[in-house]
């Protein structure tokens, strides 16, 4: 009977958990993608870029979404059981809170495994792919936005003119003035130029003429069949790329390597060690939050799904604030890095155990 009960309770929790995950992922995606609307709606952006950015951001969003989804799933799942009177019926036949917490731990353990795989293996790929895709889109937009007769502030020191532009982009009858080096102003003209990204952002010109100033009164003229001019777009890339997430982009292994490198160079490594321990502790957060959610749900007098959702959000906000404060204290050296990283999860875990023991003694309400 115990195994049947556990499977039944687990099914009641899994449904709200997956529903909460889908809703929260949609919300988080909307919040993140709106930061990149400027370049994602650029002239050279493709639907495949949206898909690739979405796929590469998923491993960054899951560690933020799954813990609160678990919290919501457990709270709402038990609230539904309570609304139907099933928790009261189970308590009357001797089923304790300790029995009901086992399916929660199974679900939380599965979430911990998914988080570990995501953080250690999937997230590094996602970060690299996100950076590469964002860079490629911005580079294509910089050249795609070059229209006939326009001057771009994103290309400092470059004056560009073309009579016509075709998809590619390909420009016809191009005149380009390079004033990046005042001592060697260059003028390029060609009947055709097309975008190239082989060795950086540039233009590949065909059958062109290069006029270059050699001195104040001397100019040299060179004809060429084919040539490539690379453009300096580093500042534009930095300014346009809004997909930067600070320490969230670092995996535990990145932080570990940073800590060891800092120690080897005689530099302070406390911030790296605090971040490393913080990331490790977050992998165990679903277990702590699962215990807390079970204790709160079983000990609550009000068992509506709406109330459960509000309580879950409040618990997660408190946990989030405690985690961030602990991380900051560790980075500043107020606490030892291991203590600052693991204290928030340890505190929630210990509080959850105490609350669950209290509910077990008095019985679920």
Protein backbone atom coordinates (compact mmCIF):
# COMPACT_ATOMS: atom_id res chain seq x y z
CA UNK A 1 0.00 0.00 0.00
CA UNK A 2 2.84 2.36 0.80
CA UNK A 3 4.27 2.21 -2.72
CA UNK A 4 0.82 2.77 -4.23
CA UNK A 5 0.31 5.77 -1.97
CA UNK A 6 3.71 7.21 -2.86
CA UNK A 7 3.04 6.85 -6.61
CA UNK A 8 -0.35 8.49 -6.22
CA UNK A 9 1.02 11.45 -4.25
CA UNK A 10 3.91 11.79 -6.68
CA UNK A 11 1.49 12.01 -9.62
CA UNK A 12 -0.42 14.75 -7.80
CA UNK A 13 2.79 16.73 -7.36
CA UNK A 14 4.31 16.20 -10.82
CA UNK A 15 1.40 17.82 -12.66
CA UNK A 16 1.59 21.20 -10.88
CA UNK A 17 5.40 21.03 -11.03
CA UNK A 18 5.49 20.74 -14.83
CA UNK A 19 2.75 23.34 -15.23
CA UNK A 20 4.66 25.80 -13.05
CA UNK A 21 7.87 25.07 -14.97
CA UNK A 22 6.18 25.80 -18.32
CA UNK A 23 4.61 29.04 -17.09
CA UNK A 24 7.76 30.32 -15.39
CA UNK A 25 9.99 29.43 -18.34
CA UNK A 26 7.68 31.38 -20.65
CA UNK A 27 7.81 34.36 -18.29
CA UNK A 28 11.58 34.22 -17.90
CA UNK A 29 12.07 33.84 -21.67
CA UNK A 30 9.93 36.92 -22.29
CA UNK A 31 11.90 38.92 -19.71
CA UNK A 32 15.26 37.89 -21.16
CA UNK A 33 14.43 38.11 -24.87
CA UNK A 34 13.04 41.61 -24.49
CA UNK A 35 16.58 42.67 -23.59
CA UNK A 36 17.71 41.63 -27.06
CA UNK A 37 14.82 43.01 -29.09
CA UNK A 38 17.02 45.70 -30.62
CA UNK A 39 19.29 43.26 -32.44
CA UNK A 40 16.89 40.32 -32.69
CA UNK A 41 14.58 42.49 -34.79
CA UNK A 42 17.48 43.77 -36.86
CA UNK A 43 17.63 43.69 -40.61
CA UNK A 44 19.81 40.56 -40.76
CA UNK A 45 18.27 38.51 -37.92
CA UNK A 46 16.63 35.20 -38.89
CA UNK A 47 14.02 33.02 -37.14
CA UNK A 48 16.77 30.43 -36.63
CA UNK A 49 18.62 32.99 -34.49
CA UNK A 50 15.63 33.22 -32.15
CA UNK A 51 15.49 29.44 -31.92
CA UNK A 52 19.23 29.09 -31.24
CA UNK A 53 19.23 31.81 -28.61
CA UNK A 54 16.22 30.20 -26.93
CA UNK A 55 17.93 26.82 -26.85
CA UNK A 56 21.21 28.25 -25.54
CA UNK A 57 19.48 30.25 -22.79
CA UNK A 58 17.50 27.27 -21.49
CA UNK A 59 20.38 25.86 -19.37
CA UNK A 60 20.81 29.31 -17.79
CA UNK A 61 17.13 29.64 -16.96
CA UNK A 62 16.51 26.13 -15.60
CA UNK A 63 18.56 26.63 -12.39
CA UNK A 64 16.43 29.69 -11.66
CA UNK A 65 13.09 28.14 -12.60
CA UNK A 66 13.21 24.56 -11.30
CA UNK A 67 13.54 25.30 -7.54
CA UNK A 68 10.54 27.61 -7.45
CA UNK A 69 8.60 25.26 -9.76
CA UNK A 70 9.22 22.45 -7.28
CA UNK A 71 8.08 24.67 -4.43
CA UNK A 72 4.90 25.60 -6.30
CA UNK A 73 4.26 22.01 -7.39
CA UNK A 74 4.51 20.63 -3.85
CA UNK A 75 2.42 23.40 -2.29
CA UNK A 76 -0.31 23.30 -4.94
CA UNK A 77 -0.33 19.50 -5.10
CA UNK A 78 -0.87 19.11 -1.36
CA UNK A 79 -3.39 21.96 -1.41
CA UNK A 80 -5.48 20.02 -3.93
CA UNK A 81 -5.31 16.90 -1.80
CA UNK A 82 -6.37 18.95 1.19
CA UNK A 83 -9.27 20.60 -0.64
CA UNK A 84 -10.63 17.16 -1.56
CA UNK A 85 -10.29 15.93 2.02
CA UNK A 86 -7.75 13.29 1.06
CA UNK A 87 -5.13 14.46 3.53
CA UNK A 88 -7.64 14.17 6.36
CA UNK A 89 -8.62 10.69 5.19
CA UNK A 90 -4.95 9.63 5.00
CA UNK A 91 -4.27 10.98 8.47
CA UNK A 92 -7.26 9.04 9.85
CA UNK A 93 -5.75 5.74 8.67
CA UNK A 94 -2.35 6.46 10.17
CA UNK A 95 -0.46 8.05 7.26
CA UNK A 96 1.96 10.57 8.76
CA UNK A 97 3.71 13.61 7.34
CA UNK A 98 6.88 11.53 7.22
CA UNK A 99 5.20 9.12 4.81
CA UNK A 100 3.99 11.95 2.60
CA UNK A 101 7.39 13.59 2.37
CA UNK A 102 8.97 10.60 0.61
CA UNK A 103 7.40 11.34 -2.82
CA UNK A 104 8.53 14.94 -2.40
CA UNK A 105 12.11 13.83 -1.81
CA UNK A 106 11.95 11.61 -4.90
CA UNK A 107 10.79 14.53 -7.03
CA UNK A 108 13.32 16.90 -5.43
CA UNK A 109 16.12 14.38 -5.96
CA UNK A 110 15.24 14.16 -9.65
CA UNK A 111 15.33 17.95 -9.90
CA UNK A 112 18.76 17.96 -8.20
CA UNK A 113 20.09 15.52 -10.79
CA UNK A 114 18.73 17.63 -13.65
CA UNK A 115 20.30 20.75 -12.14
CA UNK A 116 23.69 19.04 -11.73
CA UNK A 117 23.71 17.86 -15.36
CA UNK A 118 22.60 21.30 -16.51
CA UNK A 119 25.13 23.30 -14.49
CA UNK A 120 28.18 21.12 -15.13
CA UNK A 121 27.61 20.00 -18.73
CA UNK A 122 24.77 21.81 -20.52
CA UNK A 123 25.28 25.35 -19.21
CA UNK A 124 28.87 25.80 -20.54
CA UNK A 125 27.64 24.87 -24.02
CA UNK A 126 24.67 27.21 -23.69
CA UNK A 127 26.79 30.17 -22.64
CA UNK A 128 29.27 29.68 -25.49
CA UNK A 129 26.46 29.24 -28.03
CA UNK A 130 24.56 32.26 -26.73
CA UNK A 131 27.62 34.50 -27.04
CA UNK A 132 28.42 33.21 -30.51
CA UNK A 133 24.86 33.59 -31.80
CA UNK A 134 24.45 37.09 -30.33
CA UNK A 135 27.77 38.15 -31.86
CA UNK A 136 26.88 36.77 -35.29
CA UNK A 137 23.48 38.47 -35.31
CA UNK A 138 24.92 41.82 -34.26
CA UNK A 139 27.70 41.59 -36.86
CA UNK A 140 25.21 40.79 -39.62
CA UNK A 141 22.98 43.65 -38.49
CA UNK A 142 25.86 46.12 -38.56
CA UNK A 143 26.46 45.45 -42.24
CA UNK A 144 22.83 44.79 -43.08
CA UNK A 145 21.92 48.25 -41.80
CA UNK A 146 24.33 49.91 -44.24
CA UNK A 147 21.96 51.42 -46.75
CA UNK A 148 22.79 53.63 -49.77
CA UNK A 149 23.83 57.09 -48.70
CA UNK A 150 24.00 56.37 -44.98
CA UNK A 151 26.69 56.98 -42.36
CA UNK A 152 26.72 54.62 -39.35
CA UNK A 153 27.79 55.72 -35.88
CA UNK A 154 28.55 52.04 -35.16
CA UNK A 155 31.50 52.28 -37.58
CA UNK A 156 33.58 55.18 -36.22
CA UNK A 157 35.99 56.66 -38.71
CA UNK A 158 34.22 55.07 -41.69
CA UNK A 159 32.19 57.04 -44.24
CA UNK A 160 30.21 54.75 -46.53
CA UNK A 161 28.14 55.34 -49.64
CA UNK A 162 26.56 52.96 -52.15
CA UNK A 163 24.16 53.44 -55.03
CA UNK A 164 22.23 50.22 -54.42
CA UNK A 165 22.06 47.28 -52.02
CA UNK A 166 20.93 43.70 -52.57
CA UNK A 167 20.36 40.81 -50.12
CA UNK A 168 23.54 39.34 -48.73
CA UNK A 169 24.17 42.20 -48.27
CA UNK A 170 25.82 43.15 -51.57
CA UNK A 171 26.40 46.79 -52.48
CA UNK A 172 26.91 48.31 -55.95
CA UNK A 173 29.10 51.29 -56.83
CA UNK A 174 30.67 51.65 -53.41
CA UNK A 175 32.64 54.58 -52.06
CA UNK A 176 34.26 54.08 -48.68
CA UNK A 177 36.45 56.59 -46.81
CA UNK A 178 38.57 55.23 -43.96
CA UNK A 179 39.55 58.00 -41.53
CA UNK A 180 40.46 55.77 -38.58
CA UNK A 181 44.13 56.74 -39.00
CA UNK A 182 44.26 60.51 -39.66
CA UNK A 183 47.81 60.20 -40.98
CA UNK A 184 46.77 57.65 -43.62
CA UNK A 185 43.28 58.47 -44.86
CA UNK A 186 42.19 55.91 -47.44
CA UNK A 187 39.50 56.10 -50.09
CA UNK A 188 38.15 52.89 -51.61
CA UNK A 189 35.86 52.69 -54.60
CA UNK A 190 34.57 49.57 -56.28
CA UNK A 191 31.65 48.59 -58.51
CA UNK A 192 30.75 45.80 -56.10
CA UNK A 193 31.24 44.92 -52.43
CA UNK A 194 29.76 42.16 -50.30
CA UNK A 195 29.75 41.39 -46.60
CA UNK A 196 32.27 38.91 -45.26
CA UNK A 197 32.72 37.43 -41.78
CA UNK A 198 35.55 34.99 -42.53
CA UNK A 199 38.25 36.83 -40.58
CA UNK A 200 36.04 39.35 -38.84
CA UNK A 201 33.44 41.85 -39.92
CA UNK A 202 34.46 43.31 -43.26
CA UNK A 203 33.72 44.01 -46.90
CA UNK A 204 35.04 42.06 -49.86
CA UNK A 205 35.52 44.44 -52.78
CA UNK A 206 35.91 43.52 -56.44
CA UNK A 207 37.76 45.46 -59.20
CA UNK A 208 38.37 48.41 -56.91
CA UNK A 209 40.68 51.37 -56.60
CA UNK A 210 42.49 52.38 -53.40
CA UNK A 211 43.65 55.94 -52.96
CA UNK A 212 45.84 56.44 -49.89
CA UNK A 213 47.55 59.49 -48.53
CA UNK A 214 51.28 58.91 -48.16
CA UNK A 215 52.09 62.42 -46.89
CA UNK A 216 50.54 65.88 -46.74
CA UNK A 217 50.94 66.38 -50.50
CA UNK A 218 51.38 62.86 -51.87
CA UNK A 219 48.78 60.22 -52.65
CA UNK A 220 49.18 56.73 -54.00
CA UNK A 221 46.63 55.00 -56.24
CA UNK A 222 46.36 51.23 -56.46
CA UNK A 223 44.00 49.12 -58.53
CA UNK A 224 43.12 45.64 -57.33
CA UNK A 225 41.02 42.71 -58.51
CA UNK A 226 39.86 41.58 -55.09
CA UNK A 227 40.40 42.90 -51.59
CA UNK A 228 38.93 42.76 -48.12
CA UNK A 229 38.62 45.61 -45.67
CA UNK A 230 38.06 44.66 -42.03
CA UNK A 231 35.95 46.98 -39.89
CA UNK A 232 36.50 47.71 -36.21
CA UNK A 233 33.16 46.83 -34.58
CA UNK A 234 34.35 45.83 -31.10
CA UNK A 235 32.74 48.81 -29.37
CA UNK A 236 29.48 48.31 -31.25
CA UNK A 237 29.37 44.63 -30.31
CA UNK A 238 29.95 45.46 -26.65
CA UNK A 239 27.28 48.15 -26.67
CA UNK A 240 24.62 46.20 -28.56
CA UNK A 241 25.03 42.86 -26.82
CA UNK A 242 22.57 43.03 -23.94
CA UNK A 243 22.76 39.29 -23.24
CA UNK A 244 25.23 39.58 -20.36
CA UNK A 245 24.36 38.01 -17.01
CA UNK A 246 27.40 38.61 -14.83
CA UNK A 247 28.36 35.76 -12.51
CA UNK A 248 25.35 33.74 -13.71
CA UNK A 249 27.36 32.96 -16.84
CA UNK A 250 30.07 31.23 -14.79
CA UNK A 251 29.83 27.52 -14.11
CA UNK A 252 31.21 25.95 -10.91
CA UNK A 253 34.26 24.77 -12.83
CA UNK A 254 34.88 28.30 -14.16
CA UNK A 255 34.76 29.63 -10.60
CA UNK A 256 37.03 26.86 -9.37
CA UNK A 257 39.61 27.61 -12.06
CA UNK A 258 39.33 31.33 -11.27
CA UNK A 259 39.92 30.69 -7.57
CA UNK A 260 42.99 28.55 -8.20
CA UNK A 261 44.39 31.05 -10.70
CA UNK A 262 43.89 33.92 -8.24
CA UNK A 263 45.61 31.99 -5.46
CA UNK A 264 48.49 31.11 -7.77
CA UNK A 265 48.96 34.81 -8.59
CA UNK A 266 48.70 35.84 -4.94
CA UNK A 267 45.38 37.63 -5.49
CA UNK A 268 42.25 37.43 -3.29
CA UNK A 269 40.18 34.40 -4.23
CA UNK A 270 37.34 34.76 -1.70
CA UNK A 271 34.79 35.92 -4.25
CA UNK A 272 35.53 32.92 -6.49
CA UNK A 273 35.30 30.43 -3.62
CA UNK A 274 32.07 32.01 -2.35
CA UNK A 275 30.54 31.74 -5.83
CA UNK A 276 31.76 28.16 -6.20
CA UNK A 277 30.21 27.08 -2.90
CA UNK A 278 27.05 29.04 -3.68
CA UNK A 279 26.60 27.20 -6.99
CA UNK A 280 27.15 23.83 -5.32
CA UNK A 281 24.64 24.63 -2.60
CA UNK A 282 22.04 25.64 -5.16
CA UNK A 283 22.17 22.12 -6.58
CA UNK A 284 20.81 20.87 -3.24
CA UNK A 285 18.25 23.67 -2.87
CA UNK A 286 15.34 21.55 -4.24
CA UNK A 287 15.69 19.11 -1.32
CA UNK A 288 15.61 21.93 1.24
CA UNK A 289 12.72 23.70 -0.47
CA UNK A 290 10.84 20.42 -0.87
CA UNK A 291 11.02 19.73 2.86
CA UNK A 292 9.98 23.28 3.68
CA UNK A 293 7.06 23.18 1.23
CA UNK A 294 5.83 19.86 2.62
CA UNK A 295 5.93 21.10 6.19
CA UNK A 296 4.13 24.34 5.33
CA UNK A 297 1.51 22.62 3.17
CA UNK A 298 0.69 19.86 5.67
CA UNK A 299 0.63 22.20 8.64
CA UNK A 300 -1.55 24.85 7.04
CA UNK A 301 -5.21 25.28 7.92
CA UNK A 302 -6.04 26.90 4.55
CA UNK A 303 -5.65 24.53 1.64
CA UNK A 304 -6.67 26.47 -1.46
CA UNK A 305 -4.37 26.32 -4.47
CA UNK A 306 -4.29 30.13 -4.65
CA UNK A 307 -3.14 30.47 -1.05
CA UNK A 308 -0.56 27.73 -1.59
CA UNK A 309 0.85 29.54 -4.62
CA UNK A 310 1.14 32.82 -2.72
CA UNK A 311 2.84 31.14 0.24
CA UNK A 312 5.24 29.34 -2.12
CA UNK A 313 6.23 32.60 -3.79
CA UNK A 314 6.80 34.19 -0.37
CA UNK A 315 8.97 31.30 0.81
CA UNK A 316 11.04 31.41 -2.39
CA UNK A 317 11.53 35.18 -2.18
CA UNK A 318 12.80 34.81 1.39
CA UNK A 319 15.14 32.02 0.28
CA UNK A 320 16.35 34.07 -2.72
CA UNK A 321 17.12 37.13 -0.58
CA UNK A 322 18.89 35.00 2.04
CA UNK A 323 20.99 33.32 -0.67
CA UNK A 324 22.04 36.59 -2.27
CA UNK A 325 22.88 38.19 1.07
CA UNK A 326 24.97 35.16 2.01
CA UNK A 327 26.82 35.32 -1.32
CA UNK A 328 27.58 39.02 -0.88
CA UNK A 329 28.86 38.47 2.66
CA UNK A 330 31.10 35.68 1.40
CA UNK A 331 32.48 37.80 -1.45
CA UNK A 332 33.28 40.61 0.98
CA UNK A 333 35.02 38.27 3.41
CA UNK A 334 32.53 38.72 6.26
CA UNK A 335 31.84 34.97 6.29
CA UNK A 336 34.06 32.11 5.23
CA UNK A 337 33.29 31.26 1.58
CA UNK A 338 32.02 27.74 2.38
CA UNK A 339 29.76 29.09 5.12
CA UNK A 340 28.38 31.92 3.00
CA UNK A 341 27.70 29.54 0.12
CA UNK A 342 25.99 26.75 2.05
CA UNK A 343 24.40 28.61 4.96
CA UNK A 344 21.15 29.67 3.17
CA UNK A 345 20.34 26.17 1.90
CA UNK A 346 21.43 24.63 5.20
CA UNK A 347 19.20 27.03 7.14
CA UNK A 348 16.17 26.27 4.96
CA UNK A 349 16.87 22.54 5.20
CA UNK A 350 17.17 22.62 8.99
CA UNK A 351 14.06 24.76 9.37
CA UNK A 352 12.15 22.41 7.07
CA UNK A 353 13.18 19.37 9.14
CA UNK A 354 12.12 21.05 12.38
CA UNK A 355 8.77 22.15 10.94
CA UNK A 356 8.13 18.70 9.47
CA UNK A 357 8.90 17.05 12.83
CA UNK A 358 6.44 19.41 14.51
CA UNK A 359 3.74 18.57 11.94
CA UNK A 360 4.43 14.85 12.39
CA UNK A 361 3.96 15.10 16.16
CA UNK A 362 0.66 16.92 15.99
CA UNK A 363 -0.56 15.40 12.72
CA UNK A 364 -1.44 17.09 9.45
CA UNK A 365 -4.27 19.60 9.75
